[in-house]
Amino acid sequence: EVEIWVIDEAGNKDFCTTTLLLQDNSGNVCQDSSPLTESGSGVASPGQKVKGEGIRTPELYQNTPNPFSGETKIGFWLPESMTATLRVMDVTGKELYRVTGSYSGGNHLITLEAGSIPEVKGVLFYQLETEKGVLNKRMVRVN
């Protein structure tokens, strides 16, 4: 599987995970031990990180969709296994939702369904707290 990352002009980061089938110029499927060429940036061996090396702090991503009405997904990335707490709060700071768990290093996605938080419309804040610090973002609920 390959993670494809996008960073918009505002610095928001998001990703999707997909499976790639690699073929050579003759249409033959490349084996796992074949070198992979990333266009314009040289050769990388399978399993080798090309970009993003050295990131050691968690990241919290913008929820999607945003604004939302029914459900929204909140993604985050952890550099290693650790305990993390995701909170959703209204504009007064009142906690509306909380989930705490032990997560492995890597990407995680939490689906927030409409019924899991009170019927509060407008701007909401969400927060990821780990041993490495606290990250905050905002989202909008329209219905």
Protein backbone atom coordinates (compact mmCIF):
# COMPACT_ATOMS: atom_id res chain seq x y z
CA GLU A 1 0.00 0.00 0.00
CA VAL A 2 1.06 3.56 -0.72
CA GLU A 3 0.06 6.72 1.12
CA ILE A 4 -0.53 9.72 -1.12
CA TRP A 5 -0.19 13.03 0.72
CA VAL A 6 -1.57 16.42 -0.29
CA ILE A 7 -0.78 19.76 1.34
CA ASP A 8 -2.98 22.70 0.29
CA GLU A 9 -1.98 26.37 0.19
CA ALA A 10 -3.16 26.87 3.80
CA GLY A 11 -0.88 24.07 5.00
CA ASN A 12 -3.67 21.57 5.65
CA LYS A 13 -2.49 18.00 5.13
CA ASP A 14 -4.53 15.00 4.05
CA PHE A 15 -3.81 11.57 2.68
CA CYS A 16 -5.35 8.51 1.12
CA THR A 17 -4.06 4.95 1.06
CA THR A 18 -4.07 2.98 -2.17
CA THR A 19 -2.51 -0.14 -3.64
CA LEU A 20 -0.33 0.29 -6.71
CA LEU A 21 0.40 -2.32 -9.35
CA LEU A 22 3.76 -1.45 -10.87
CA GLN A 23 4.65 -2.55 -14.38
CA ASP A 24 7.79 -2.17 -16.45
CA ASN A 25 7.83 -0.71 -19.98
CA SER A 26 6.81 -4.12 -21.40
CA GLY A 27 3.75 -4.42 -19.16
CA ASN A 28 5.29 -7.03 -16.84
CA VAL A 29 4.43 -6.70 -13.16
CA CYS A 30 7.49 -5.63 -11.16
CA GLN A 31 8.52 -7.93 -8.32
CA ASP A 32 8.85 -6.66 -4.74
CA SER A 33 12.64 -6.63 -5.05
CA SER A 34 12.65 -4.44 -8.16
CA PRO A 35 13.82 -0.85 -7.68
CA LEU A 36 11.12 1.80 -7.93
CA THR A 37 11.71 5.04 -9.81
CA GLU A 38 9.90 8.14 -8.64
CA SER A 39 9.55 10.50 -11.58
CA GLY A 40 12.10 13.27 -11.40
CA SER A 41 13.63 12.28 -8.09
CA GLY A 42 15.82 9.23 -8.62
CA VAL A 43 15.52 5.62 -7.48
CA ALA A 44 14.09 4.32 -4.22
CA SER A 45 14.24 0.74 -2.99
CA PRO A 46 11.01 -0.99 -1.91
CA GLY A 47 10.20 -0.02 1.67
CA GLN A 48 12.54 2.97 1.60
CA LYS A 49 11.09 6.27 2.75
CA VAL A 50 11.69 9.01 0.22
CA LYS A 51 9.93 11.94 1.86
CA GLY A 52 8.73 12.65 5.38
CA GLU A 53 11.72 11.11 7.13
CA GLY A 54 12.54 12.59 10.49
CA ILE A 55 9.00 13.67 11.41
CA ARG A 56 8.77 12.86 15.12
CA THR A 57 5.72 14.81 16.26
CA PRO A 58 2.07 13.81 15.83
CA GLU A 59 -0.04 15.48 13.17
CA LEU A 60 -3.77 16.26 13.22
CA TYR A 61 -5.55 16.57 9.88
CA GLN A 62 -8.52 18.64 8.80
CA ASN A 63 -11.76 16.72 9.12
CA THR A 64 -13.55 15.63 5.94
CA PRO A 65 -16.03 16.63 4.86
CA ASN A 66 -15.94 20.11 6.31
CA PRO A 67 -18.49 21.55 6.78
CA PHE A 68 -20.39 18.38 7.71
CA SER A 69 -23.93 17.41 8.66
CA GLY A 70 -24.22 13.64 9.06
CA GLU A 71 -20.74 12.37 9.80
CA THR A 72 -17.16 13.49 9.43
CA LYS A 73 -13.80 11.77 9.59
CA ILE A 74 -10.85 13.04 11.60
CA GLY A 75 -7.40 11.71 10.76
CA PHE A 76 -4.18 11.88 12.68
CA TRP A 77 -0.65 10.50 12.42
CA LEU A 78 1.54 9.29 15.28
CA PRO A 79 5.32 8.81 14.96
CA GLU A 80 5.27 5.78 17.29
CA SER A 81 2.93 3.79 19.53
CA MET A 82 1.36 5.99 22.20
CA THR A 83 -1.83 6.93 24.00
CA ALA A 84 -3.87 9.63 22.28
CA THR A 85 -7.06 11.47 23.19
CA LEU A 86 -9.31 13.10 20.61
CA ARG A 87 -11.76 15.68 21.95
CA VAL A 88 -14.49 17.74 20.29
CA MET A 89 -15.56 20.98 22.00
CA ASP A 90 -18.04 23.77 21.36
CA VAL A 91 -17.00 27.44 21.16
CA THR A 92 -17.22 27.80 24.95
CA GLY A 93 -14.77 24.93 25.46
CA LYS A 94 -17.41 22.49 26.69
CA GLU A 95 -16.33 18.95 25.82
CA LEU A 96 -18.89 17.23 23.58
CA TYR A 97 -17.00 14.07 22.63
CA ARG A 98 -13.90 12.22 23.79
CA VAL A 99 -12.13 9.03 22.77
CA THR A 100 -8.87 7.83 24.32
CA GLY A 101 -6.90 4.85 23.15
CA SER A 102 -3.50 3.25 22.67
CA TYR A 103 -2.57 3.61 19.01
CA SER A 104 0.28 2.20 16.96
CA GLY A 105 2.56 4.52 15.05
CA GLY A 106 1.12 5.61 11.71
CA ASN A 107 -2.15 6.96 10.38
CA HIS A 108 -5.49 6.66 12.14
CA LEU A 109 -9.00 7.72 11.18
CA ILE A 110 -11.91 8.30 13.55
CA THR A 111 -15.43 8.56 12.17
CA LEU A 112 -17.56 11.00 14.13
CA GLU A 113 -21.23 10.23 13.55
CA ALA A 114 -23.95 12.82 14.08
CA GLY A 115 -25.43 10.91 17.03
CA SER A 116 -22.14 10.79 18.92
CA ILE A 117 -22.14 14.54 19.64
CA PRO A 118 -25.00 16.81 20.76
CA GLU A 119 -26.97 18.78 18.15
CA VAL A 120 -24.63 21.77 18.16
CA LYS A 121 -24.39 23.71 14.90
CA GLY A 122 -21.67 26.08 13.84
CA VAL A 123 -17.98 26.09 14.70
CA LEU A 124 -16.62 23.20 16.75
CA PHE A 125 -13.05 22.66 17.85
CA TYR A 126 -11.24 19.34 17.98
CA GLN A 127 -8.04 18.48 19.75
CA LEU A 128 -5.50 15.65 19.69
CA GLU A 129 -3.58 15.24 22.94
CA THR A 130 -0.55 12.94 23.25
CA GLU A 131 2.57 12.74 25.38
CA LYS A 132 4.24 14.87 22.70
CA GLY A 133 1.79 17.78 22.98
CA VAL A 134 -1.62 19.09 21.98
CA LEU A 135 -2.86 19.93 18.47
CA ASN A 136 -6.06 21.85 17.69
CA LYS A 137 -8.24 22.38 14.61
CA ARG A 138 -11.74 23.65 13.93
CA MET A 139 -14.64 22.32 11.90
CA VAL A 140 -18.15 23.43 11.01
CA ARG A 141 -21.35 21.48 11.57
CA VAL A 142 -24.22 22.71 9.41
CA ASN A 143 -27.11 20.44 10.35
